[in-house]
Amino acid sequence: MSDNVGSRVSFFLVGLGIGALVGILFAPKSGEETREYLSSKAEEGRDFAQKKARELRERAEDLIERSKEIMARQKEAISTAVDAGKETYKREAKIS
């Protein structure tokens, strides 16, 4: 059932793309105007993609930095707990 839905969505998107292409080709604008329009839209799309990629990279860097800070705190907490355990063990060993 889900394969059937997926293929229907795929066919819809392909049809949508073909329809948009045919609409552009038969638009009342001249060939040069259409090419300029397509070129400007492609450039806008490229700029948008670069902007989003830059934002994602910055978010990833922030997440990595926060993860490093959290790991350092956890390492310190574990180290403190281990040291306290060692001290307790030494004291208990001396008493026994």
N, C-alpha and C. Protein backbone atom coordinates (compact mmCIF):
# COMPACT_ATOMS: atom_id res chain seq x y z
N MET A 1 0.83 -1.19 0.00
CA MET A 1 0.00 0.00 0.00
C MET A 1 0.88 1.25 0.00
N SER A 2 1.91 1.31 0.85
CA SER A 2 2.75 2.51 0.93
C SER A 2 3.55 2.68 -0.36
N ASP A 3 3.91 1.56 -1.04
CA ASP A 3 4.60 1.68 -2.33
C ASP A 3 3.69 2.33 -3.36
N ASN A 4 2.41 1.99 -3.31
CA ASN A 4 1.44 2.55 -4.23
C ASN A 4 1.30 4.06 -4.02
N VAL A 5 1.26 4.47 -2.77
CA VAL A 5 1.16 5.91 -2.45
C VAL A 5 2.43 6.63 -2.88
N GLY A 6 3.57 6.02 -2.62
CA GLY A 6 4.84 6.64 -3.01
C GLY A 6 4.96 6.81 -4.50
N SER A 7 4.52 5.80 -5.26
CA SER A 7 4.61 5.91 -6.71
C SER A 7 3.63 6.96 -7.23
N ARG A 8 2.46 7.07 -6.61
CA ARG A 8 1.51 8.10 -7.03
C ARG A 8 2.07 9.49 -6.80
N VAL A 9 2.72 9.67 -5.65
CA VAL A 9 3.33 10.97 -5.35
C VAL A 9 4.44 11.26 -6.35
N SER A 10 5.24 10.25 -6.66
CA SER A 10 6.31 10.43 -7.64
C SER A 10 5.76 10.83 -9.00
N PHE A 11 4.71 10.13 -9.44
CA PHE A 11 4.11 10.46 -10.73
C PHE A 11 3.53 11.88 -10.71
N PHE A 12 2.93 12.27 -9.59
CA PHE A 12 2.38 13.61 -9.48
C PHE A 12 3.48 14.65 -9.60
N LEU A 13 4.60 14.44 -8.90
CA LEU A 13 5.70 15.40 -8.95
C LEU A 13 6.32 15.48 -10.34
N VAL A 14 6.47 14.34 -11.00
CA VAL A 14 7.01 14.34 -12.36
C VAL A 14 6.06 15.10 -13.29
N GLY A 15 4.76 14.82 -13.16
CA GLY A 15 3.78 15.54 -13.97
C GLY A 15 3.78 17.02 -13.71
N LEU A 16 3.93 17.39 -12.45
CA LEU A 16 3.99 18.80 -12.08
C LEU A 16 5.20 19.47 -12.74
N GLY A 17 6.33 18.80 -12.69
CA GLY A 17 7.54 19.35 -13.32
C GLY A 17 7.40 19.49 -14.81
N ILE A 18 6.84 18.46 -15.45
CA ILE A 18 6.63 18.53 -16.91
C ILE A 18 5.66 19.64 -17.25
N GLY A 19 4.60 19.77 -16.46
CA GLY A 19 3.62 20.83 -16.71
C GLY A 19 4.24 22.21 -16.58
N ALA A 20 5.08 22.39 -15.58
CA ALA A 20 5.73 23.68 -15.39
C ALA A 20 6.67 23.98 -16.56
N LEU A 21 7.40 22.97 -17.01
CA LEU A 21 8.32 23.15 -18.13
C LEU A 21 7.56 23.51 -19.40
N VAL A 22 6.48 22.81 -19.69
CA VAL A 22 5.67 23.10 -20.87
C VAL A 22 5.07 24.51 -20.76
N GLY A 23 4.63 24.87 -19.57
CA GLY A 23 4.09 26.22 -19.37
C GLY A 23 5.11 27.30 -19.65
N ILE A 24 6.33 27.07 -19.23
CA ILE A 24 7.39 28.06 -19.47
C ILE A 24 7.71 28.13 -20.96
N LEU A 25 7.78 26.96 -21.61
CA LEU A 25 8.13 26.95 -23.03
C LEU A 25 7.08 27.63 -23.90
N PHE A 26 5.83 27.53 -23.51
CA PHE A 26 4.76 28.14 -24.30
C PHE A 26 4.29 29.46 -23.72
N ALA A 27 5.08 30.06 -22.87
CA ALA A 27 4.72 31.35 -22.28
C ALA A 27 4.74 32.43 -23.35
N PRO A 28 4.01 33.50 -23.13
CA PRO A 28 3.95 34.57 -24.14
C PRO A 28 5.22 35.41 -24.22
N LYS A 29 6.20 35.14 -23.41
CA LYS A 29 7.45 35.91 -23.46
C LYS A 29 8.32 35.39 -24.61
N SER A 30 9.24 36.25 -25.03
CA SER A 30 10.17 35.84 -26.08
C SER A 30 11.18 34.85 -25.50
N GLY A 31 11.90 34.20 -26.37
CA GLY A 31 12.90 33.22 -25.95
C GLY A 31 13.97 33.85 -25.07
N GLU A 32 14.39 35.03 -25.44
CA GLU A 32 15.43 35.71 -24.65
C GLU A 32 14.92 36.07 -23.26
N GLU A 33 13.70 36.58 -23.19
CA GLU A 33 13.11 36.92 -21.89
C GLU A 33 12.95 35.68 -21.02
N THR A 34 12.52 34.59 -21.65
CA THR A 34 12.35 33.34 -20.91
C THR A 34 13.68 32.84 -20.38
N ARG A 35 14.72 32.90 -21.23
CA ARG A 35 16.05 32.47 -20.79
C ARG A 35 16.56 33.34 -19.63
N GLU A 36 16.34 34.64 -19.74
CA GLU A 36 16.76 35.54 -18.66
C GLU A 36 16.00 35.23 -17.37
N TYR A 37 14.70 34.98 -17.52
CA TYR A 37 13.88 34.64 -16.36
C TYR A 37 14.38 33.35 -15.71
N LEU A 38 14.59 32.33 -16.53
CA LEU A 38 15.08 31.05 -16.00
C LEU A 38 16.46 31.20 -15.37
N SER A 39 17.30 32.01 -16.00
CA SER A 39 18.64 32.24 -15.46
C SER A 39 18.58 32.94 -14.11
N SER A 40 17.71 33.94 -14.00
CA SER A 40 17.61 34.66 -12.72
C SER A 40 17.04 33.76 -11.64
N LYS A 41 16.05 32.94 -12.00
CA LYS A 41 15.47 32.01 -11.02
C LYS A 41 16.50 30.96 -10.60
N ALA A 42 17.30 30.48 -11.53
CA ALA A 42 18.34 29.51 -11.20
C ALA A 42 19.37 30.14 -10.26
N GLU A 43 19.71 31.40 -10.51
CA GLU A 43 20.66 32.09 -9.64
C GLU A 43 20.07 32.30 -8.24
N GLU A 44 18.78 32.66 -8.19
CA GLU A 44 18.12 32.81 -6.89
C GLU A 44 18.12 31.48 -6.13
N GLY A 45 17.84 30.40 -6.84
CA GLY A 45 17.84 29.08 -6.22
C GLY A 45 19.22 28.71 -5.71
N ARG A 46 20.25 29.02 -6.49
CA ARG A 46 21.62 28.74 -6.07
C ARG A 46 21.98 29.54 -4.82
N ASP A 47 21.63 30.82 -4.83
CA ASP A 47 21.91 31.67 -3.67
C ASP A 47 21.18 31.16 -2.42
N PHE A 48 19.92 30.77 -2.61
CA PHE A 48 19.13 30.25 -1.50
C PHE A 48 19.77 28.97 -0.95
N ALA A 49 20.18 28.08 -1.85
CA ALA A 49 20.80 26.82 -1.42
C ALA A 49 22.11 27.09 -0.67
N GLN A 50 22.91 28.03 -1.15
CA GLN A 50 24.16 28.37 -0.47
C GLN A 50 23.89 28.95 0.90
N LYS A 51 22.88 29.81 0.99
CA LYS A 51 22.53 30.41 2.29
C LYS A 51 22.10 29.33 3.28
N LYS A 52 21.24 28.42 2.83
CA LYS A 52 20.78 27.34 3.72
C LYS A 52 21.92 26.43 4.11
N ALA A 53 22.81 26.14 3.18
CA ALA A 53 23.97 25.29 3.49
C ALA A 53 24.85 25.97 4.54
N ARG A 54 25.04 27.27 4.40
CA ARG A 54 25.85 28.01 5.37
C ARG A 54 25.19 27.99 6.75
N GLU A 55 23.86 28.18 6.78
CA GLU A 55 23.13 28.14 8.05
C GLU A 55 23.22 26.77 8.70
N LEU A 56 23.07 25.73 7.90
CA LEU A 56 23.17 24.36 8.44
C LEU A 56 24.57 24.08 8.97
N ARG A 57 25.58 24.55 8.27
CA ARG A 57 26.96 24.35 8.72
C ARG A 57 27.19 25.06 10.07
N GLU A 58 26.67 26.29 10.19
CA GLU A 58 26.81 27.03 11.44
C GLU A 58 26.08 26.33 12.58
N ARG A 59 24.89 25.82 12.30
CA ARG A 59 24.14 25.09 13.34
C ARG A 59 24.89 23.83 13.76
N ALA A 60 25.44 23.14 12.77
CA ALA A 60 26.18 21.92 13.08
C ALA A 60 27.40 22.25 13.93
N GLU A 61 28.10 23.32 13.61
CA GLU A 61 29.27 23.73 14.40
C GLU A 61 28.86 24.07 15.82
N ASP A 62 27.73 24.76 15.98
CA ASP A 62 27.24 25.09 17.32
C ASP A 62 26.90 23.83 18.10
N LEU A 63 26.23 22.90 17.45
CA LEU A 63 25.88 21.64 18.12
C LEU A 63 27.12 20.86 18.53
N ILE A 64 28.11 20.84 17.67
CA ILE A 64 29.36 20.14 18.01
C ILE A 64 30.03 20.81 19.20
N GLU A 65 30.06 22.13 19.20
CA GLU A 65 30.70 22.86 20.30
C GLU A 65 29.97 22.60 21.62
N ARG A 66 28.64 22.64 21.57
CA ARG A 66 27.87 22.36 22.79
C ARG A 66 28.08 20.92 23.25
N SER A 67 28.16 20.01 22.31
CA SER A 67 28.39 18.60 22.66
C SER A 67 29.75 18.43 23.33
N LYS A 68 30.74 19.13 22.82
CA LYS A 68 32.08 19.05 23.43
C LYS A 68 32.05 19.57 24.86
N GLU A 69 31.33 20.68 25.08
CA GLU A 69 31.23 21.24 26.43
C GLU A 69 30.52 20.27 27.37
N ILE A 70 29.45 19.68 26.89
CA ILE A 70 28.70 18.72 27.73
C ILE A 70 29.57 17.51 28.05
N MET A 71 30.29 17.02 27.06
CA MET A 71 31.17 15.86 27.28
C MET A 71 32.28 16.20 28.29
N ALA A 72 32.81 17.39 28.21
CA ALA A 72 33.86 17.80 29.15
C ALA A 72 33.31 17.83 30.58
N ARG A 73 32.08 18.37 30.72
CA ARG A 73 31.47 18.40 32.06
C ARG A 73 31.19 17.00 32.57
N GLN A 74 30.70 16.14 31.71
CA GLN A 74 30.42 14.76 32.12
C GLN A 74 31.71 14.03 32.49
N LYS A 75 32.75 14.27 31.72
CA LYS A 75 34.05 13.65 32.01
C LYS A 75 34.55 14.10 33.37
N GLU A 76 34.41 15.39 33.64
CA GLU A 76 34.85 15.93 34.92
C GLU A 76 34.04 15.34 36.06
N ALA A 77 32.72 15.21 35.88
CA ALA A 77 31.87 14.65 36.92
C ALA A 77 32.22 13.19 37.18
N ILE A 78 32.44 12.44 36.13
CA ILE A 78 32.81 11.03 36.29
C ILE A 78 34.17 10.91 36.96
N SER A 79 35.10 11.75 36.56
CA SER A 79 36.43 11.73 37.17
C SER A 79 36.36 12.04 38.66
N THR A 80 35.55 13.01 39.02
CA THR A 80 35.38 13.36 40.43
C THR A 80 34.76 12.20 41.20
N ALA A 81 33.76 11.55 40.60
CA ALA A 81 33.11 10.41 41.26
C ALA A 81 34.09 9.25 41.42
N VAL A 82 34.91 9.00 40.44
CA VAL A 82 35.90 7.91 40.52
C VAL A 82 36.92 8.24 41.62
N ASP A 83 37.38 9.47 41.66
CA ASP A 83 38.34 9.86 42.69
C ASP A 83 37.74 9.71 44.09
N ALA A 84 36.47 10.11 44.24
CA ALA A 84 35.80 9.97 45.53
C ALA A 84 35.67 8.49 45.89
N GLY A 85 35.37 7.66 44.92
CA GLY A 85 35.27 6.23 45.16
C GLY A 85 36.60 5.64 45.58
N LYS A 86 37.68 6.07 44.95
CA LYS A 86 39.01 5.58 45.32
C LYS A 86 39.37 5.98 46.75
N GLU A 87 39.08 7.22 47.09
CA GLU A 87 39.37 7.69 48.45
C GLU A 87 38.58 6.89 49.48
N THR A 88 37.29 6.68 49.17
CA THR A 88 36.46 5.90 50.08
C THR A 88 37.00 4.48 50.23
N TYR A 89 37.41 3.90 49.13
CA TYR A 89 37.94 2.54 49.17
C TYR A 89 39.21 2.49 50.02
N LYS A 90 40.09 3.48 49.84
CA LYS A 90 41.32 3.50 50.62
C LYS A 90 41.03 3.62 52.11
N ARG A 91 40.08 4.51 52.46
CA ARG A 91 39.72 4.66 53.87
C ARG A 91 39.13 3.37 54.43
N GLU A 92 38.26 2.75 53.69
CA GLU A 92 37.64 1.50 54.16
C GLU A 92 38.67 0.38 54.26
N ALA A 93 39.64 0.38 53.35
CA ALA A 93 40.68 -0.66 53.38
C ALA A 93 41.56 -0.48 54.62
N LYS A 94 41.82 0.77 55.04
CA LYS A 94 42.63 1.02 56.21
C LYS A 94 41.89 0.61 57.49
N ILE A 95 40.58 0.80 57.52
CA ILE A 95 39.79 0.47 58.70
C ILE A 95 39.71 -1.04 58.86
N SER A 96 39.59 -1.78 57.78
CA SER A 96 39.43 -3.23 57.88
C SER A 96 40.65 -3.91 58.30
